[in-house]
Amino acid sequence: MKIQVNITPQGRMSLPADVRKRLGLADGGAVFLEETADGVVLRTAAQAVARAQAIAKRFAEGGGDVSVEGFLAHRKKDGDE
């Protein structure tokens, strides 16, 4: 789904009510913004946690360095892709 969202001069934007409802944000909430080489990605907190868990699981199953530093290095590499 692609929608246009306008940003005010103060930097505010509004997500349409139907989108907020589908994302579980009908009563408000936090979203995480990630800038990528392809553009900007917005994720709900639940989506961000699920993505981090999937990355951690994939990383741990690969038998790689499971230290925090190793995870962060791998995460940074994933973000550059």
N, C-alpha and C. Protein backbone atom coordinates (compact mmCIF):
# COMPACT_ATOMS: atom_id res chain seq x y z
N MET A 1 0.83 -1.17 0.00
CA MET A 1 0.00 0.00 0.00
C MET A 1 0.88 1.24 0.00
N LYS A 2 0.57 2.16 -0.84
CA LYS A 2 1.30 3.43 -0.89
C LYS A 2 0.30 4.55 -0.66
N ILE A 3 0.64 5.43 0.26
CA ILE A 3 -0.19 6.60 0.52
C ILE A 3 0.71 7.82 0.64
N GLN A 4 0.14 8.96 0.36
CA GLN A 4 0.89 10.20 0.53
C GLN A 4 0.56 10.77 1.89
N VAL A 5 1.60 11.13 2.63
CA VAL A 5 1.44 11.77 3.93
C VAL A 5 2.18 13.10 3.86
N ASN A 6 1.49 14.15 4.18
CA ASN A 6 2.11 15.48 4.14
C ASN A 6 2.78 15.79 5.48
N ILE A 7 3.88 16.50 5.42
CA ILE A 7 4.63 16.90 6.61
C ILE A 7 4.49 18.41 6.75
N THR A 8 4.12 18.86 7.95
CA THR A 8 3.95 20.29 8.20
C THR A 8 5.32 20.95 8.31
N PRO A 9 5.36 22.28 8.23
CA PRO A 9 6.64 22.98 8.43
C PRO A 9 7.27 22.69 9.79
N GLN A 10 6.46 22.28 10.76
CA GLN A 10 6.99 21.93 12.08
C GLN A 10 7.50 20.48 12.14
N GLY A 11 7.39 19.75 11.03
CA GLY A 11 7.90 18.39 10.96
C GLY A 11 6.88 17.33 11.37
N ARG A 12 5.65 17.70 11.56
CA ARG A 12 4.62 16.73 11.97
C ARG A 12 3.95 16.12 10.75
N MET A 13 3.58 14.86 10.92
CA MET A 13 2.83 14.18 9.88
C MET A 13 1.71 13.39 10.54
N SER A 14 0.67 13.13 9.80
CA SER A 14 -0.47 12.38 10.32
C SER A 14 -0.67 11.13 9.48
N LEU A 15 -0.80 10.00 10.17
CA LEU A 15 -1.15 8.77 9.48
C LEU A 15 -2.66 8.67 9.42
N PRO A 16 -3.22 8.28 8.29
CA PRO A 16 -4.67 8.14 8.20
C PRO A 16 -5.21 7.17 9.26
N ALA A 17 -6.43 7.42 9.71
CA ALA A 17 -7.05 6.64 10.78
C ALA A 17 -7.08 5.14 10.47
N ASP A 18 -7.40 4.78 9.22
CA ASP A 18 -7.48 3.35 8.89
C ASP A 18 -6.11 2.68 9.00
N VAL A 19 -5.05 3.39 8.66
CA VAL A 19 -3.69 2.85 8.78
C VAL A 19 -3.33 2.68 10.27
N ARG A 20 -3.63 3.72 11.07
CA ARG A 20 -3.35 3.63 12.51
C ARG A 20 -4.10 2.46 13.13
N LYS A 21 -5.34 2.27 12.72
CA LYS A 21 -6.15 1.17 13.27
C LYS A 21 -5.52 -0.18 12.92
N ARG A 22 -5.15 -0.38 11.66
CA ARG A 22 -4.54 -1.65 11.23
C ARG A 22 -3.23 -1.93 11.95
N LEU A 23 -2.49 -0.86 12.28
CA LEU A 23 -1.19 -1.02 12.94
C LEU A 23 -1.30 -1.06 14.46
N GLY A 24 -2.51 -0.97 14.98
CA GLY A 24 -2.68 -0.98 16.42
C GLY A 24 -2.30 0.34 17.08
N LEU A 25 -2.37 1.41 16.32
CA LEU A 25 -2.00 2.73 16.82
C LEU A 25 -3.21 3.67 16.91
N ALA A 26 -4.41 3.10 16.97
CA ALA A 26 -5.62 3.92 16.97
C ALA A 26 -5.63 4.91 18.13
N ASP A 27 -5.07 4.53 19.27
CA ASP A 27 -5.02 5.41 20.44
C ASP A 27 -3.67 6.12 20.55
N GLY A 28 -2.90 6.12 19.48
CA GLY A 28 -1.57 6.72 19.49
C GLY A 28 -0.51 5.68 19.81
N GLY A 29 0.72 6.10 19.84
CA GLY A 29 1.82 5.18 20.13
C GLY A 29 3.08 5.63 19.42
N ALA A 30 4.11 4.86 19.62
CA ALA A 30 5.41 5.18 19.05
C ALA A 30 5.64 4.41 17.76
N VAL A 31 6.33 5.04 16.86
CA VAL A 31 6.84 4.36 15.66
C VAL A 31 8.33 4.65 15.58
N PHE A 32 9.05 3.76 14.95
CA PHE A 32 10.48 3.90 14.78
C PHE A 32 10.76 4.20 13.32
N LEU A 33 11.55 5.20 13.07
CA LEU A 33 11.91 5.60 11.73
C LEU A 33 13.31 5.10 11.44
N GLU A 34 13.47 4.43 10.32
CA GLU A 34 14.78 3.96 9.89
C GLU A 34 15.08 4.53 8.51
N GLU A 35 16.19 5.20 8.40
CA GLU A 35 16.61 5.72 7.11
C GLU A 35 17.48 4.66 6.44
N THR A 36 17.10 4.26 5.24
CA THR A 36 17.85 3.26 4.50
C THR A 36 18.32 3.86 3.18
N ALA A 37 19.11 3.11 2.46
CA ALA A 37 19.57 3.57 1.15
C ALA A 37 18.40 3.75 0.19
N ASP A 38 17.31 2.98 0.41
CA ASP A 38 16.15 3.04 -0.47
C ASP A 38 15.12 4.08 -0.05
N GLY A 39 15.24 4.61 1.15
CA GLY A 39 14.26 5.59 1.62
C GLY A 39 14.08 5.48 3.12
N VAL A 40 12.87 5.74 3.57
CA VAL A 40 12.55 5.76 4.99
C VAL A 40 11.54 4.65 5.29
N VAL A 41 11.76 3.94 6.40
CA VAL A 41 10.86 2.88 6.84
C VAL A 41 10.33 3.25 8.22
N LEU A 42 9.02 3.20 8.39
CA LEU A 42 8.40 3.38 9.69
C LEU A 42 7.94 2.02 10.20
N ARG A 43 8.25 1.72 11.46
CA ARG A 43 7.81 0.47 12.07
C ARG A 43 7.17 0.77 13.42
N THR A 44 6.14 0.02 13.77
CA THR A 44 5.59 0.11 15.11
C THR A 44 6.59 -0.53 16.07
N ALA A 45 6.40 -0.31 17.35
CA ALA A 45 7.29 -0.92 18.35
C ALA A 45 7.24 -2.44 18.22
N ALA A 46 6.04 -3.00 18.06
CA ALA A 46 5.91 -4.46 17.93
C ALA A 46 6.64 -4.97 16.69
N GLN A 47 6.55 -4.25 15.58
CA GLN A 47 7.25 -4.65 14.36
C GLN A 47 8.75 -4.56 14.54
N ALA A 48 9.22 -3.52 15.22
CA ALA A 48 10.65 -3.35 15.45
C ALA A 48 11.19 -4.47 16.34
N VAL A 49 10.45 -4.84 17.38
CA VAL A 49 10.87 -5.93 18.26
C VAL A 49 10.90 -7.25 17.49
N ALA A 50 9.85 -7.52 16.72
CA ALA A 50 9.80 -8.77 15.95
C ALA A 50 10.96 -8.85 14.96
N ARG A 51 11.28 -7.73 14.32
CA ARG A 51 12.40 -7.71 13.36
C ARG A 51 13.72 -7.96 14.08
N ALA A 52 13.91 -7.32 15.23
CA ALA A 52 15.15 -7.52 16.00
C ALA A 52 15.27 -8.98 16.45
N GLN A 53 14.16 -9.57 16.88
CA GLN A 53 14.18 -10.97 17.30
C GLN A 53 14.53 -11.89 16.13
N ALA A 54 13.98 -11.61 14.95
CA ALA A 54 14.28 -12.43 13.78
C ALA A 54 15.75 -12.31 13.40
N ILE A 55 16.29 -11.10 13.47
CA ILE A 55 17.70 -10.91 13.16
C ILE A 55 18.57 -11.65 14.17
N ALA A 56 18.22 -11.53 15.46
CA ALA A 56 19.00 -12.20 16.51
C ALA A 56 18.95 -13.72 16.32
N LYS A 57 17.78 -14.25 16.00
CA LYS A 57 17.64 -15.70 15.80
C LYS A 57 18.48 -16.15 14.61
N ARG A 58 18.38 -15.41 13.52
CA ARG A 58 19.15 -15.77 12.32
C ARG A 58 20.64 -15.70 12.61
N PHE A 59 21.04 -14.69 13.35
CA PHE A 59 22.44 -14.50 13.68
C PHE A 59 22.95 -15.62 14.58
N ALA A 60 22.18 -15.98 15.61
CA ALA A 60 22.58 -17.03 16.55
C ALA A 60 22.64 -18.39 15.86
N GLU A 61 21.69 -18.66 14.96
CA GLU A 61 21.68 -19.95 14.26
C GLU A 61 22.84 -20.09 13.30
N GLY A 62 23.40 -18.97 12.86
CA GLY A 62 24.52 -19.01 11.94
C GLY A 62 25.83 -19.37 12.60
N GLY A 63 25.82 -19.49 13.94
CA GLY A 63 27.03 -19.87 14.65
C GLY A 63 28.07 -18.77 14.71
N GLY A 64 27.64 -17.54 14.43
CA GLY A 64 28.57 -16.43 14.43
C GLY A 64 28.84 -15.92 15.83
N ASP A 65 29.47 -14.80 15.89
CA ASP A 65 29.79 -14.13 17.14
C ASP A 65 28.49 -13.67 17.78
N VAL A 66 28.13 -14.22 18.94
CA VAL A 66 26.87 -13.88 19.59
C VAL A 66 27.04 -12.80 20.65
N SER A 67 28.18 -12.12 20.66
CA SER A 67 28.37 -11.02 21.59
C SER A 67 27.53 -9.82 21.14
N VAL A 68 27.33 -8.87 22.03
CA VAL A 68 26.61 -7.65 21.68
C VAL A 68 27.31 -6.94 20.54
N GLU A 69 28.63 -6.86 20.62
CA GLU A 69 29.39 -6.18 19.57
C GLU A 69 29.21 -6.88 18.22
N GLY A 70 29.24 -8.21 18.25
CA GLY A 70 29.05 -8.97 17.02
C GLY A 70 27.66 -8.77 16.44
N PHE A 71 26.66 -8.78 17.32
CA PHE A 71 25.29 -8.56 16.87
C PHE A 71 25.14 -7.18 16.25
N LEU A 72 25.68 -6.15 16.91
CA LEU A 72 25.55 -4.79 16.40
C LEU A 72 26.27 -4.63 15.06
N ALA A 73 27.42 -5.26 14.92
CA ALA A 73 28.15 -5.20 13.64
C ALA A 73 27.33 -5.85 12.54
N HIS A 74 26.71 -6.99 12.86
CA HIS A 74 25.88 -7.70 11.89
C HIS A 74 24.64 -6.86 11.54
N ARG A 75 24.05 -6.23 12.55
CA ARG A 75 22.86 -5.40 12.35
C ARG A 75 23.20 -4.21 11.46
N LYS A 76 24.36 -3.61 11.69
CA LYS A 76 24.79 -2.48 10.86
C LYS A 76 24.96 -2.94 9.41
N LYS A 77 25.53 -4.12 9.23
CA LYS A 77 25.72 -4.66 7.88
C LYS A 77 24.36 -4.88 7.21
N ASP A 78 23.38 -5.43 7.96
CA ASP A 78 22.03 -5.63 7.41
C ASP A 78 21.41 -4.31 6.99
N GLY A 79 21.65 -3.26 7.74
CA GLY A 79 21.09 -1.95 7.42
C GLY A 79 21.68 -1.36 6.16
N ASP A 80 22.89 -1.74 5.82
CA ASP A 80 23.55 -1.21 4.63
C ASP A 80 23.10 -1.92 3.36
N GLU A 81 22.40 -3.04 3.52
CA GLU A 81 21.98 -3.81 2.34
C GLU A 81 20.77 -3.23 1.68
